[in-house]
Amino acid sequence: MWTAAFWKATAERAIRTFAQALAAVLVAGATNLVDAPWGAAFATAGLAALLAVLTAIGASEVGGKGPGITESPRAAVGRGQRRA
C-alpha cells in the first residue's frame, strides 16, 4: 500500500469504476429504468470510485494477516499462525 505502483493501480481501478458506474446510470436513465439527473449520476459514479479505493486499501494486506472471508480461523492456524 505504500508504493507508487499500488496507488497507480488503485487510481486506474477507481477511474474505470467511475466510468462504468456513470455509464450504467446514464444508460438506465436513457432507457427510462431510472430517472437520474446528471448530478446524481456523477455522485453515484464518485461513490463507486471511492468504494473501489477503499476496497483496494482494505485488500492491501496492511496489518496482521488473518483468515479471509472464505477461510476459517482453523485453516489459518494450519498455515503456521497461532490461535489468539
PDB file of N, CA and C in Angstrom:
ATOM      1  N   MET A   1       0.820  -1.187   0.000  1.00  0.00           N
ATOM      2  CA  MET A   1       0.000   0.000   0.000  1.00  0.00           C
ATOM      3  C   MET A   1       0.865   1.252   0.000  1.00  0.00           C
ATOM      4  N   TRP A   2       2.094   1.130   0.357  1.00  0.00           N
ATOM      5  CA  TRP A   2       2.955   2.310   0.487  1.00  0.00           C
ATOM      6  C   TRP A   2       3.822   2.537  -0.747  1.00  0.00           C
ATOM      7  N   THR A   3       3.411   2.005  -1.876  1.00  0.00           N
ATOM      8  CA  THR A   3       4.214   2.154  -3.083  1.00  0.00           C
ATOM      9  C   THR A   3       3.447   2.954  -4.136  1.00  0.00           C
ATOM     10  N   ALA A   4       4.216   3.542  -5.052  1.00  0.00           N
ATOM     11  CA  ALA A   4       3.600   4.286  -6.151  1.00  0.00           C
ATOM     12  C   ALA A   4       2.825   3.346  -7.063  1.00  0.00           C
ATOM     13  N   ALA A   5       3.312   2.125  -7.230  1.00  0.00           N
ATOM     14  CA  ALA A   5       2.626   1.153  -8.091  1.00  0.00           C
ATOM     15  C   ALA A   5       1.235   0.828  -7.554  1.00  0.00           C
ATOM     16  N   PHE A   6       1.124   0.704  -6.235  1.00  0.00           N
ATOM     17  CA  PHE A   6      -0.183   0.434  -5.629  1.00  0.00           C
ATOM     18  C   PHE A   6      -1.153   1.561  -5.937  1.00  0.00           C
ATOM     19  N   TRP A   7      -0.722   2.802  -5.749  1.00  0.00           N
ATOM     20  CA  TRP A   7      -1.610   3.939  -5.953  1.00  0.00           C
ATOM     21  C   TRP A   7      -1.917   4.156  -7.430  1.00  0.00           C
ATOM     22  N   LYS A   8      -0.990   3.830  -8.316  1.00  0.00           N
ATOM     23  CA  LYS A   8      -1.261   3.922  -9.747  1.00  0.00           C
ATOM     24  C   LYS A   8      -2.336   2.908 -10.136  1.00  0.00           C
ATOM     25  N   ALA A   9      -2.175   1.677  -9.677  1.00  0.00           N
ATOM     26  CA  ALA A   9      -3.168   0.640  -9.972  1.00  0.00           C
ATOM     27  C   ALA A   9      -4.517   0.984  -9.349  1.00  0.00           C
ATOM     28  N   THR A  10      -4.501   1.535  -8.143  1.00  0.00           N
ATOM     29  CA  THR A  10      -5.738   1.919  -7.472  1.00  0.00           C
ATOM     30  C   THR A  10      -6.428   3.053  -8.218  1.00  0.00           C
ATOM     31  N   ALA A  11      -5.661   4.034  -8.693  1.00  0.00           N
ATOM     32  CA  ALA A  11      -6.243   5.143  -9.454  1.00  0.00           C
ATOM     33  C   ALA A  11      -6.861   4.639 -10.754  1.00  0.00           C
ATOM     34  N   GLU A  12      -6.167   3.746 -11.440  1.00  0.00           N
ATOM     35  CA  GLU A  12      -6.716   3.173 -12.675  1.00  0.00           C
ATOM     36  C   GLU A  12      -8.017   2.436 -12.391  1.00  0.00           C
ATOM     37  N   ARG A  13      -8.047   1.671 -11.312  1.00  0.00           N
ATOM     38  CA  ARG A  13      -9.241   0.919 -10.940  1.00  0.00           C
ATOM     39  C   ARG A  13     -10.390   1.864 -10.597  1.00  0.00           C
ATOM     40  N   ALA A  14     -10.080   2.945  -9.872  1.00  0.00           N
ATOM     41  CA  ALA A  14     -11.111   3.905  -9.476  1.00  0.00           C
ATOM     42  C   ALA A  14     -11.676   4.637 -10.697  1.00  0.00           C
ATOM     43  N   ILE A  15     -10.810   5.020 -11.631  1.00  0.00           N
ATOM     44  CA  ILE A  15     -11.279   5.695 -12.856  1.00  0.00           C
ATOM     45  C   ILE A  15     -12.156   4.769 -13.681  1.00  0.00           C
ATOM     46  N   ARG A  16     -11.730   3.513 -13.802  1.00  0.00           N
ATOM     47  CA  ARG A  16     -12.509   2.530 -14.556  1.00  0.00           C
ATOM     48  C   ARG A  16     -13.873   2.313 -13.886  1.00  0.00           C
ATOM     49  N   THR A  17     -13.885   2.215 -12.558  1.00  0.00           N
ATOM     50  CA  THR A  17     -15.140   2.025 -11.827  1.00  0.00           C
ATOM     51  C   THR A  17     -16.042   3.237 -11.988  1.00  0.00           C
ATOM     52  N   PHE A  18     -15.456   4.446 -11.924  1.00  0.00           N
ATOM     53  CA  PHE A  18     -16.224   5.679 -12.111  1.00  0.00           C
ATOM     54  C   PHE A  18     -16.907   5.663 -13.475  1.00  0.00           C
ATOM     55  N   ALA A  19     -16.146   5.345 -14.516  1.00  0.00           N
ATOM     56  CA  ALA A  19     -16.698   5.339 -15.873  1.00  0.00           C
ATOM     57  C   ALA A  19     -17.793   4.290 -16.031  1.00  0.00           C
ATOM     58  N   GLN A  20     -17.582   3.112 -15.456  1.00  0.00           N
ATOM     59  CA  GLN A  20     -18.582   2.052 -15.561  1.00  0.00           C
ATOM     60  C   GLN A  20     -19.869   2.436 -14.838  1.00  0.00           C
ATOM     61  N   ALA A  21     -19.741   2.996 -13.646  1.00  0.00           N
ATOM     62  CA  ALA A  21     -20.929   3.378 -12.883  1.00  0.00           C
ATOM     63  C   ALA A  21     -21.670   4.520 -13.572  1.00  0.00           C
ATOM     64  N   LEU A  22     -20.922   5.494 -14.086  1.00  0.00           N
ATOM     65  CA  LEU A  22     -21.555   6.611 -14.786  1.00  0.00           C
ATOM     66  C   LEU A  22     -22.291   6.110 -16.029  1.00  0.00           C
ATOM     67  N   ALA A  23     -21.657   5.238 -16.789  1.00  0.00           N
ATOM     68  CA  ALA A  23     -22.304   4.681 -17.977  1.00  0.00           C
ATOM     69  C   ALA A  23     -23.562   3.906 -17.602  1.00  0.00           C
ATOM     70  N   ALA A  24     -23.500   3.137 -16.531  1.00  0.00           N
ATOM     71  CA  ALA A  24     -24.663   2.352 -16.112  1.00  0.00           C
ATOM     72  C   ALA A  24     -25.828   3.254 -15.730  1.00  0.00           C
ATOM     73  N   VAL A  25     -25.551   4.315 -14.971  1.00  0.00           N
ATOM     74  CA  VAL A  25     -26.627   5.218 -14.559  1.00  0.00           C
ATOM     75  C   VAL A  25     -27.184   5.975 -15.756  1.00  0.00           C
ATOM     76  N   LEU A  26     -26.307   6.429 -16.653  1.00  0.00           N
ATOM     77  CA  LEU A  26     -26.787   7.175 -17.815  1.00  0.00           C
ATOM     78  C   LEU A  26     -27.599   6.289 -18.760  1.00  0.00           C
ATOM     79  N   VAL A  27     -27.175   5.049 -18.959  1.00  0.00           N
ATOM     80  CA  VAL A  27     -27.944   4.124 -19.800  1.00  0.00           C
ATOM     81  C   VAL A  27     -29.279   3.814 -19.147  1.00  0.00           C
ATOM     82  N   ALA A  28     -29.266   3.612 -17.848  1.00  0.00           N
ATOM     83  CA  ALA A  28     -30.525   3.362 -17.136  1.00  0.00           C
ATOM     84  C   ALA A  28     -31.455   4.566 -17.259  1.00  0.00           C
ATOM     85  N   GLY A  29     -30.891   5.771 -17.224  1.00  0.00           N
ATOM     86  CA  GLY A  29     -31.707   6.969 -17.395  1.00  0.00           C
ATOM     87  C   GLY A  29     -32.227   7.102 -18.817  1.00  0.00           C
ATOM     88  N   ALA A  30     -31.402   6.759 -19.790  1.00  0.00           N
ATOM     89  CA  ALA A  30     -31.810   6.873 -21.192  1.00  0.00           C
ATOM     90  C   ALA A  30     -32.892   5.866 -21.560  1.00  0.00           C
ATOM     91  N   THR A  31     -32.912   4.742 -20.879  1.00  0.00           N
ATOM     92  CA  THR A  31     -33.918   3.712 -21.171  1.00  0.00           C
ATOM     93  C   THR A  31     -35.110   3.792 -20.221  1.00  0.00           C
ATOM     94  N   ASN A  32     -35.182   4.879 -19.453  1.00  0.00           N
ATOM     95  CA  ASN A  32     -36.279   5.128 -18.513  1.00  0.00           C
ATOM     96  C   ASN A  32     -36.393   4.087 -17.408  1.00  0.00           C
ATOM     97  N   LEU A  33     -35.294   3.394 -17.112  1.00  0.00           N
ATOM     98  CA  LEU A  33     -35.291   2.489 -15.955  1.00  0.00           C
ATOM     99  C   LEU A  33     -35.144   3.274 -14.663  1.00  0.00           C
ATOM    100  N   VAL A  34     -34.358   4.350 -14.731  1.00  0.00           N
ATOM    101  CA  VAL A  34     -34.103   5.203 -13.577  1.00  0.00           C
ATOM    102  C   VAL A  34     -34.166   6.648 -14.055  1.00  0.00           C
ATOM    103  N   ASP A  35     -34.792   7.508 -13.294  1.00  0.00           N
ATOM    104  CA  ASP A  35     -34.824   8.928 -13.637  1.00  0.00           C
ATOM    105  C   ASP A  35     -33.744   9.616 -12.815  1.00  0.00           C
ATOM    106  N   ALA A  36     -32.536   9.685 -13.356  1.00  0.00           N
ATOM    107  CA  ALA A  36     -31.390  10.234 -12.627  1.00  0.00           C
ATOM    108  C   ALA A  36     -30.852  11.469 -13.348  1.00  0.00           C
ATOM    109  N   PRO A  37     -30.867  12.626 -12.680  1.00  0.00           N
ATOM    110  CA  PRO A  37     -30.243  13.806 -13.274  1.00  0.00           C
ATOM    111  C   PRO A  37     -28.719  13.646 -13.308  1.00  0.00           C
ATOM    112  N   TRP A  38     -28.059  14.494 -14.094  1.00  0.00           N
ATOM    113  CA  TRP A  38     -26.611  14.403 -14.255  1.00  0.00           C
ATOM    114  C   TRP A  38     -25.884  14.468 -12.916  1.00  0.00           C
ATOM    115  N   GLY A  39     -26.300  15.344 -12.029  1.00  0.00           N
ATOM    116  CA  GLY A  39     -25.641  15.470 -10.724  1.00  0.00           C
ATOM    117  C   GLY A  39     -25.682  14.179  -9.929  1.00  0.00           C
ATOM    118  N   ALA A  40     -26.833  13.535  -9.937  1.00  0.00           N
ATOM    119  CA  ALA A  40     -26.972  12.262  -9.221  1.00  0.00           C
ATOM    120  C   ALA A  40     -26.145  11.169  -9.889  1.00  0.00           C
ATOM    121  N   ALA A  41     -26.059  11.216 -11.211  1.00  0.00           N
ATOM    122  CA  ALA A  41     -25.258  10.216 -11.924  1.00  0.00           C
ATOM    123  C   ALA A  41     -23.780  10.358 -11.564  1.00  0.00           C
ATOM    124  N   PHE A  42     -23.285  11.606 -11.531  1.00  0.00           N
ATOM    125  CA  PHE A  42     -21.887  11.820 -11.157  1.00  0.00           C
ATOM    126  C   PHE A  42     -21.638  11.492  -9.685  1.00  0.00           C
ATOM    127  N   ALA A  43     -22.599  11.787  -8.819  1.00  0.00           N
ATOM    128  CA  ALA A  43     -22.438  11.450  -7.401  1.00  0.00           C
ATOM    129  C   ALA A  43     -22.383   9.938  -7.207  1.00  0.00           C
ATOM    130  N   THR A  44     -23.220   9.218  -7.919  1.00  0.00           N
ATOM    131  CA  THR A  44     -23.221   7.758  -7.842  1.00  0.00           C
ATOM    132  C   THR A  44     -21.895   7.185  -8.337  1.00  0.00           C
ATOM    133  N   ALA A  45     -21.413   7.715  -9.454  1.00  0.00           N
ATOM    134  CA  ALA A  45     -20.137   7.246 -10.003  1.00  0.00           C
ATOM    135  C   ALA A  45     -18.983   7.587  -9.058  1.00  0.00           C
ATOM    136  N   GLY A  46     -19.026   8.756  -8.446  1.00  0.00           N
ATOM    137  CA  GLY A  46     -17.990   9.138  -7.482  1.00  0.00           C
ATOM    138  C   GLY A  46     -17.984   8.232  -6.263  1.00  0.00           C
ATOM    139  N   LEU A  47     -19.157   7.889  -5.774  1.00  0.00           N
ATOM    140  CA  LEU A  47     -19.243   6.975  -4.634  1.00  0.00           C
ATOM    141  C   LEU A  47     -18.703   5.602  -5.002  1.00  0.00           C
ATOM    142  N   ALA A  48     -19.012   5.136  -6.202  1.00  0.00           N
ATOM    143  CA  ALA A  48     -18.482   3.844  -6.650  1.00  0.00           C
ATOM    144  C   ALA A  48     -16.960   3.881  -6.731  1.00  0.00           C
ATOM    145  N   ALA A  49     -16.401   4.985  -7.226  1.00  0.00           N
ATOM    146  CA  ALA A  49     -14.941   5.118  -7.303  1.00  0.00           C
ATOM    147  C   ALA A  49     -14.322   5.137  -5.906  1.00  0.00           C
ATOM    148  N   LEU A  50     -14.952   5.842  -4.982  1.00  0.00           N
ATOM    149  CA  LEU A  50     -14.461   5.868  -3.600  1.00  0.00           C
ATOM    150  C   LEU A  50     -14.476   4.464  -2.997  1.00  0.00           C
ATOM    151  N   LEU A  51     -15.525   3.722  -3.245  1.00  0.00           N
ATOM    152  CA  LEU A  51     -15.588   2.353  -2.730  1.00  0.00           C
ATOM    153  C   LEU A  51     -14.517   1.470  -3.358  1.00  0.00           C
ATOM    154  N   ALA A  52     -14.173   1.710  -4.611  1.00  0.00           N
ATOM    155  CA  ALA A  52     -13.088   0.951  -5.250  1.00  0.00           C
ATOM    156  C   ALA A  52     -11.762   1.232  -4.554  1.00  0.00           C
ATOM    157  N   VAL A  53     -11.521   2.496  -4.199  1.00  0.00           N
ATOM    158  CA  VAL A  53     -10.286   2.861  -3.490  1.00  0.00           C
ATOM    159  C   VAL A  53     -10.269   2.223  -2.102  1.00  0.00           C
ATOM    160  N   LEU A  54     -11.382   2.310  -1.385  1.00  0.00           N
ATOM    161  CA  LEU A  54     -11.438   1.718  -0.046  1.00  0.00           C
ATOM    162  C   LEU A  54     -11.271   0.199  -0.099  1.00  0.00           C
ATOM    163  N   THR A  55     -11.819  -0.439  -1.124  1.00  0.00           N
ATOM    164  CA  THR A  55     -11.639  -1.882  -1.292  1.00  0.00           C
ATOM    165  C   THR A  55     -10.176  -2.228  -1.530  1.00  0.00           C
ATOM    166  N   ALA A  56      -9.499  -1.427  -2.343  1.00  0.00           N
ATOM    167  CA  ALA A  56      -8.072  -1.667  -2.603  1.00  0.00           C
ATOM    168  C   ALA A  56      -7.259  -1.515  -1.324  1.00  0.00           C
ATOM    169  N   ILE A  57      -7.572  -0.503  -0.527  1.00  0.00           N
ATOM    170  CA  ILE A  57      -6.856  -0.302   0.736  1.00  0.00           C
ATOM    171  C   ILE A  57      -7.130  -1.462   1.687  1.00  0.00           C
ATOM    172  N   GLY A  58      -8.379  -1.874   1.764  1.00  0.00           N
ATOM    173  CA  GLY A  58      -8.742  -2.978   2.650  1.00  0.00           C
ATOM    174  C   GLY A  58      -8.121  -4.300   2.246  1.00  0.00           C
ATOM    175  N   ALA A  59      -7.871  -4.478   0.969  1.00  0.00           N
ATOM    176  CA  ALA A  59      -7.305  -5.733   0.476  1.00  0.00           C
ATOM    177  C   ALA A  59      -5.784  -5.684   0.367  1.00  0.00           C
ATOM    178  N   SER A  60      -5.164  -4.614   0.847  1.00  0.00           N
ATOM    179  CA  SER A  60      -3.726  -4.424   0.631  1.00  0.00           C
ATOM    180  C   SER A  60      -2.837  -5.161   1.616  1.00  0.00           C
ATOM    181  N   GLU A  61      -3.402  -5.962   2.478  1.00  0.00           N
ATOM    182  CA  GLU A  61      -2.653  -6.761   3.448  1.00  0.00           C
ATOM    183  C   GLU A  61      -1.843  -5.915   4.417  1.00  0.00           C
ATOM    184  N   VAL A  62      -2.371  -4.754   4.776  1.00  0.00           N
ATOM    185  CA  VAL A  62      -1.745  -3.937   5.809  1.00  0.00           C
ATOM    186  C   VAL A  62      -2.208  -4.480   7.150  1.00  0.00           C
ATOM    187  N   GLY A  63      -1.306  -4.596   8.085  1.00  0.00           N
ATOM    188  CA  GLY A  63      -1.657  -5.116   9.393  1.00  0.00           C
ATOM    189  C   GLY A  63      -1.434  -6.611   9.474  1.00  0.00           C
ATOM    190  N   GLY A  64      -1.926  -7.192  10.544  1.00  0.00           N
ATOM    191  CA  GLY A  64      -1.745  -8.613  10.769  1.00  0.00           C
ATOM    192  C   GLY A  64      -2.516  -9.456   9.775  1.00  0.00           C
ATOM    193  N   LYS A  65      -1.928 -10.558   9.379  1.00  0.00           N
ATOM    194  CA  LYS A  65      -2.579 -11.475   8.450  1.00  0.00           C
ATOM    195  C   LYS A  65      -3.526 -12.364   9.230  1.00  0.00           C
ATOM    196  N   GLY A  66      -4.757 -12.386   8.841  1.00  0.00           N
ATOM    197  CA  GLY A  66      -5.744 -13.229   9.486  1.00  0.00           C
ATOM    198  C   GLY A  66      -6.522 -13.992   8.445  1.00  0.00           C
ATOM    199  N   PRO A  67      -7.515 -14.753   8.878  1.00  0.00           N
ATOM    200  CA  PRO A  67      -8.297 -15.503   7.903  1.00  0.00           C
ATOM    201  C   PRO A  67      -9.092 -14.558   7.010  1.00  0.00           C
ATOM    202  N   GLY A  68      -9.226 -14.926   5.746  1.00  0.00           N
ATOM    203  CA  GLY A  68     -10.019 -14.144   4.821  1.00  0.00           C
ATOM    204  C   GLY A  68     -11.491 -14.476   4.961  1.00  0.00           C
ATOM    205  N   ILE A  69     -12.288 -13.921   4.108  1.00  0.00           N
ATOM    206  CA  ILE A  69     -13.726 -14.129   4.171  1.00  0.00           C
ATOM    207  C   ILE A  69     -14.076 -15.594   3.931  1.00  0.00           C
ATOM    208  N   THR A  70     -13.331 -16.233   3.053  1.00  0.00           N
ATOM    209  CA  THR A  70     -13.659 -17.622   2.713  1.00  0.00           C
ATOM    210  C   THR A  70     -12.855 -18.642   3.500  1.00  0.00           C
ATOM    211  N   GLU A  71     -12.026 -18.199   4.432  1.00  0.00           N
ATOM    212  CA  GLU A  71     -11.224 -19.123   5.231  1.00  0.00           C
ATOM    213  C   GLU A  71     -11.759 -19.191   6.653  1.00  0.00           C
ATOM    214  N   SER A  72     -11.576 -20.330   7.272  1.00  0.00           N
ATOM    215  CA  SER A  72     -11.930 -20.453   8.677  1.00  0.00           C
ATOM    216  C   SER A  72     -10.690 -20.154   9.517  1.00  0.00           C
ATOM    217  N   PRO A  73     -10.855 -19.706  10.763  1.00  0.00           N
ATOM    218  CA  PRO A  73      -9.686 -19.470  11.608  1.00  0.00           C
ATOM    219  C   PRO A  73      -8.827 -20.711  11.778  1.00  0.00           C
ATOM    220  N   ARG A  74      -9.423 -21.872  11.788  1.00  0.00           N
ATOM    221  CA  ARG A  74      -8.683 -23.114  11.945  1.00  0.00           C
ATOM    222  C   ARG A  74      -7.759 -23.333  10.748  1.00  0.00           C
ATOM    223  N   ALA A  75      -8.208 -22.979   9.522  1.00  0.00           N
ATOM    224  CA  ALA A  75      -7.371 -23.131   8.324  1.00  0.00           C
ATOM    225  C   ALA A  75      -6.168 -22.203   8.398  1.00  0.00           C
ATOM    226  N   ALA A  76      -6.352 -20.999   8.951  1.00  0.00           N
ATOM    227  CA  ALA A  76      -5.244 -20.050   9.081  1.00  0.00           C
ATOM    228  C   ALA A  76      -4.221 -20.573  10.078  1.00  0.00           C
ATOM    229  N   VAL A  77      -4.686 -21.210  11.148  1.00  0.00           N
ATOM    230  CA  VAL A  77      -3.767 -21.765  12.138  1.00  0.00           C
ATOM    231  C   VAL A  77      -2.945 -22.875  11.500  1.00  0.00           C
ATOM    232  N   GLY A  78      -3.554 -23.637  10.609  1.00  0.00           N
ATOM    233  CA  GLY A  78      -2.851 -24.719   9.951  1.00  0.00           C
ATOM    234  C   GLY A  78      -1.726 -24.236   9.049  1.00  0.00           C
ATOM    235  N   ARG A  79      -1.742 -22.943   8.660  1.00  0.00           N
ATOM    236  CA  ARG A  79      -0.693 -22.392   7.806  1.00  0.00           C
ATOM    237  C   ARG A  79       0.435 -21.775   8.627  1.00  0.00           C
ATOM    238  N   GLY A  80       0.487 -22.071   9.895  1.00  0.00           N
ATOM    239  CA  GLY A  80       1.599 -21.595  10.698  1.00  0.00           C
ATOM    240  C   GLY A  80       1.273 -20.430  11.612  1.00  0.00           C
ATOM    241  N   GLN A  81       0.017 -19.991  11.646  1.00  0.00           N
ATOM    242  CA  GLN A  81      -0.348 -18.907  12.531  1.00  0.00           C
ATOM    243  C   GLN A  81      -0.832 -19.488  13.853  1.00  0.00           C
ATOM    244  N   ARG A  82      -0.556 -18.753  14.918  1.00  0.00           N
ATOM    245  CA  ARG A  82      -1.003 -19.178  16.224  1.00  0.00           C
ATOM    246  C   ARG A  82      -2.423 -18.707  16.468  1.00  0.00           C
ATOM    247  N   ARG A  83      -3.161 -19.495  17.184  1.00  0.00           N
ATOM    248  CA  ARG A  83      -4.525 -19.126  17.545  1.00  0.00           C
ATOM    249  C   ARG A  83      -4.454 -18.099  18.668  1.00  0.00           C
ATOM    250  N   ALA A  84      -5.269 -17.044  18.574  1.00  0.00           N
ATOM    251  CA  ALA A  84      -5.268 -15.961  19.586  1.00  0.00           C
ATOM    252  C   ALA A  84      -6.029 -16.362  20.826  1.00  0.00           C
TER     253      ALA A  84
END
